[in-house]
Amino acid sequence: MKKWLNVFLALVMVIMCSITMVLPVYAAELPGVSVPVTISLSGTLPYPEEDYKVVLKAEDADYPMPEGTVNGACSMTITGEGTANFPTIIYDRVGVYSYRIYQAAGTNKKCTYDDRVYTLTVTVSNKTDYSGLEATAVLHLDSEGDKLPGAKFENKYKVEQEPTPDLPKTGDESTPLLYAVLMVVSMGVIVRLFSTRKSKKIEE
């Protein structure tokens, strides 16, 4: 009886192992972070619109970076006013990672380019149920202040006055004083003529 019991237990173990081996294994999705960037403008804007370059740079060369990173920096261009997102940074290991986000200065001498520097801190940890990783991102200015939803750069152009169009000349632009002088002279001439005629009649 004991022999048959051992055989039965062995069969159960074989069946359980077979079921376990055919169960599908799902890879945990890796967390990612993407930061939105907004460019706002004021003043007399240039035409055509200017391109603005924004840079994401890791504090350590070994930190994860987005695709398209060159020499440790990922840059994107925004034309005119608008909002765009950096490519997503994917994390595959636990750690704390910090980055700087800033705008490269332009060449337009009539513009004051926003030179603020944002700090992005990403904390990657295991989920409470150990089913994978999770990432928490905090963005702020110069490692201080409240958490921000995105980076914003405000570029200010000089305000230029539009030239006043030349209006066509209409009417007589002579001054009233000139009219008055002409009237006085005319009256003097008339009085003189009458006086001369009257003198002639008296002589006759």
Protein backbone atom coordinates (compact mmCIF):
# COMPACT_ATOMS: atom_id res chain seq x y z
CA MET A 1 0.00 0.00 0.00
CA LYS A 2 2.81 2.33 0.86
CA LYS A 3 4.40 1.63 -2.52
CA TRP A 4 1.25 2.63 -4.39
CA LEU A 5 1.01 5.79 -2.30
CA ASN A 6 4.53 6.78 -3.29
CA VAL A 7 3.72 6.17 -6.95
CA PHE A 8 0.60 8.29 -6.68
CA LEU A 9 2.48 11.17 -5.03
CA ALA A 10 5.17 10.98 -7.72
CA LEU A 11 2.53 11.24 -10.46
CA VAL A 12 0.95 14.25 -8.75
CA MET A 13 4.32 15.99 -8.60
CA VAL A 14 4.99 15.30 -12.28
CA ILE A 15 1.59 16.71 -13.24
CA MET A 16 2.08 19.83 -11.10
CA CYS A 17 5.50 20.48 -12.60
CA SER A 18 4.12 20.11 -16.11
CA ILE A 19 1.34 22.63 -15.44
CA THR A 20 3.83 25.09 -13.97
CA MET A 21 6.12 24.82 -16.98
CA VAL A 22 3.39 25.65 -19.51
CA LEU A 23 2.09 28.72 -17.66
CA PRO A 24 2.91 31.91 -19.66
CA VAL A 25 5.48 34.29 -18.18
CA TYR A 26 4.76 38.00 -18.67
CA ALA A 27 7.63 40.49 -18.54
CA ALA A 28 6.98 43.49 -16.29
CA GLU A 29 6.64 46.74 -18.25
CA LEU A 30 9.50 49.12 -17.52
CA PRO A 31 8.58 52.59 -16.25
CA GLY A 32 9.36 55.72 -18.26
CA VAL A 33 9.40 59.49 -17.80
CA SER A 34 8.75 62.20 -20.42
CA VAL A 35 8.97 65.92 -19.59
CA PRO A 36 6.84 68.55 -21.38
CA VAL A 37 8.49 71.85 -22.34
CA THR A 38 6.67 75.09 -23.23
CA ILE A 39 8.05 78.14 -25.06
CA SER A 40 6.20 81.45 -24.60
CA LEU A 41 7.04 84.74 -26.35
CA SER A 42 6.36 88.44 -25.86
CA GLY A 43 7.22 91.71 -27.63
CA THR A 44 7.60 92.23 -31.37
CA LEU A 45 8.01 88.69 -32.67
CA PRO A 46 10.40 87.89 -35.54
CA TYR A 47 9.31 86.69 -38.95
CA PRO A 48 9.86 83.96 -39.91
CA GLU A 49 9.46 82.28 -36.52
CA GLU A 50 12.61 81.45 -34.61
CA ASP A 51 13.75 77.97 -33.54
CA TYR A 52 14.40 77.41 -29.82
CA LYS A 53 16.67 74.60 -28.64
CA VAL A 54 16.01 72.96 -25.26
CA VAL A 55 18.49 70.51 -23.72
CA LEU A 56 18.08 67.59 -21.29
CA LYS A 57 21.40 66.59 -19.68
CA ALA A 58 22.09 63.88 -17.07
CA GLU A 59 24.13 64.70 -13.97
CA ASP A 60 25.96 61.39 -14.47
CA ALA A 61 26.98 59.82 -17.76
CA ASP A 62 25.73 56.40 -16.59
CA TYR A 63 22.14 57.56 -16.02
CA PRO A 64 19.45 56.35 -18.46
CA MET A 65 18.74 58.79 -21.29
CA PRO A 66 16.20 58.98 -24.16
CA GLU A 67 16.85 57.70 -27.65
CA GLY A 68 18.70 60.18 -29.81
CA THR A 69 21.06 61.28 -27.03
CA VAL A 70 24.39 62.60 -28.29
CA ASN A 71 27.41 63.14 -26.01
CA GLY A 72 25.28 62.77 -22.89
CA ALA A 73 22.68 65.34 -23.92
CA CYS A 74 19.27 65.08 -25.57
CA SER A 75 18.02 68.19 -27.36
CA MET A 76 14.81 69.11 -29.13
CA THR A 77 13.73 72.15 -31.15
CA ILE A 78 10.48 74.09 -30.80
CA THR A 79 9.60 76.58 -33.53
CA GLY A 80 7.79 79.67 -32.28
CA GLU A 81 5.44 79.39 -29.31
CA GLY A 82 4.38 75.88 -28.39
CA THR A 83 4.74 72.79 -26.22
CA ALA A 84 6.60 69.55 -26.92
CA ASN A 85 7.77 66.53 -24.92
CA PHE A 86 11.24 65.09 -24.64
CA PRO A 87 11.50 61.43 -25.75
CA THR A 88 10.68 59.01 -22.93
CA ILE A 89 13.46 57.91 -20.59
CA ILE A 90 13.12 54.16 -19.80
CA TYR A 91 14.36 52.80 -16.46
CA ASP A 92 15.40 49.19 -15.87
CA ARG A 93 17.00 49.41 -12.44
CA VAL A 94 16.37 50.88 -9.01
CA GLY A 95 18.05 54.21 -8.23
CA VAL A 96 17.79 57.99 -7.97
CA TYR A 97 18.62 59.90 -11.15
CA SER A 98 18.94 63.67 -11.65
CA TYR A 99 18.95 65.78 -14.81
CA ARG A 100 19.14 69.42 -15.87
CA ILE A 101 16.80 71.02 -18.40
CA TYR A 102 17.76 74.37 -19.94
CA GLN A 103 17.39 76.46 -23.09
CA ALA A 104 20.36 77.12 -25.32
CA ALA A 105 20.79 80.85 -25.96
CA GLY A 106 19.74 82.06 -29.40
CA THR A 107 21.44 84.57 -31.68
CA ASN A 108 18.75 87.24 -32.07
CA LYS A 109 20.14 90.40 -30.43
CA LYS A 110 16.62 91.79 -29.98
CA CYS A 111 15.62 88.88 -27.73
CA THR A 112 16.33 88.13 -24.07
CA TYR A 113 16.38 84.33 -23.85
CA ASP A 114 15.14 82.69 -20.65
CA ASP A 115 18.19 81.18 -18.92
CA ARG A 116 16.40 79.33 -16.11
CA VAL A 117 17.66 75.84 -15.27
CA TYR A 118 15.23 73.13 -14.16
CA THR A 119 16.21 70.07 -12.13
CA LEU A 120 14.51 66.75 -12.82
CA THR A 121 14.84 64.06 -10.12
CA VAL A 122 13.57 60.55 -10.91
CA THR A 123 13.29 57.94 -8.15
CA VAL A 124 12.95 54.34 -9.36
CA SER A 125 11.91 51.68 -6.83
CA ASN A 126 10.28 48.24 -6.64
CA LYS A 127 6.51 48.09 -6.51
CA THR A 128 5.03 47.05 -3.19
CA ASP A 129 3.93 43.73 -4.67
CA TYR A 130 7.35 43.22 -6.32
CA SER A 131 5.69 42.90 -9.72
CA GLY A 132 8.09 45.36 -11.32
CA LEU A 133 9.53 48.85 -11.08
CA GLU A 134 7.85 52.21 -10.67
CA ALA A 135 9.25 55.72 -11.27
CA THR A 136 8.41 58.99 -9.54
CA ALA A 137 9.55 62.21 -11.23
CA VAL A 138 9.86 65.62 -9.57
CA LEU A 139 10.64 68.78 -11.56
CA HIS A 140 11.62 72.05 -9.93
CA LEU A 141 13.75 75.15 -10.42
CA ASP A 142 17.33 74.97 -9.19
CA SER A 143 16.59 72.13 -6.74
CA GLU A 144 14.12 74.32 -4.84
CA GLY A 145 10.46 75.27 -4.85
CA ASP A 146 7.26 73.40 -5.61
CA LYS A 147 6.89 70.48 -7.96
CA LEU A 148 6.20 71.72 -11.49
CA PRO A 149 4.15 69.99 -14.22
CA GLY A 150 6.66 70.94 -16.90
CA ALA A 151 9.49 73.26 -17.89
CA LYS A 152 8.59 76.69 -19.27
CA PHE A 153 10.83 79.26 -20.94
CA GLU A 154 9.68 82.85 -21.55
CA ASN A 155 11.63 84.67 -24.27
CA LYS A 156 11.17 88.46 -24.48
CA TYR A 157 11.69 90.48 -27.66
CA LYS A 158 12.08 94.27 -27.80
CA VAL A 159 8.88 96.13 -28.60
CA GLU A 160 9.32 98.02 -31.87
CA GLN A 161 7.07 100.90 -32.95
CA GLU A 162 5.49 100.47 -36.34
CA PRO A 163 6.29 103.39 -38.72
CA THR A 164 3.45 105.89 -39.23
CA PRO A 165 2.35 105.88 -42.87
CA ASP A 166 2.70 109.15 -44.81
CA LEU A 167 -0.80 110.57 -45.31
CA PRO A 168 -1.62 112.48 -48.55
CA LYS A 169 -1.67 116.26 -48.17
CA THR A 170 -5.20 117.68 -48.45
CA GLY A 171 -6.47 121.26 -48.30
CA ASP A 172 -4.55 124.50 -47.97
CA GLU A 173 -1.80 124.35 -45.35
CA SER A 174 -1.24 128.15 -45.31
CA THR A 175 -1.32 129.73 -41.90
CA PRO A 176 -4.18 132.04 -40.84
CA LEU A 177 -1.62 134.81 -40.23
CA LEU A 178 -0.77 134.86 -43.91
CA TYR A 179 -4.43 135.30 -44.79
CA ALA A 180 -4.73 138.16 -42.31
CA VAL A 181 -1.70 139.93 -43.77
CA LEU A 182 -3.06 139.57 -47.30
CA MET A 183 -6.44 140.95 -46.23
CA VAL A 184 -4.84 143.97 -44.54
CA VAL A 185 -2.69 144.67 -47.62
CA SER A 186 -5.70 144.30 -49.91
CA MET A 187 -7.77 146.70 -47.77
CA GLY A 188 -4.88 149.16 -47.82
CA VAL A 189 -4.70 149.01 -51.60
CA ILE A 190 -8.46 149.53 -51.94
CA VAL A 191 -8.44 152.49 -49.56
CA ARG A 192 -5.50 153.97 -51.44
CA LEU A 193 -7.32 153.63 -54.77
CA PHE A 194 -10.45 155.33 -53.43
CA SER A 195 -8.42 158.13 -51.92
CA THR A 196 -6.59 158.71 -55.22
CA ARG A 197 -9.84 158.84 -57.22
CA LYS A 198 -11.43 161.26 -54.76
CA SER A 199 -8.42 163.57 -54.94
CA LYS A 200 -8.62 163.62 -58.75
CA LYS A 201 -12.32 164.56 -58.72
CA ILE A 202 -11.69 167.43 -56.34
CA GLU A 203 -8.92 168.83 -58.56
CA GLU A 204 -11.19 168.79 -61.58
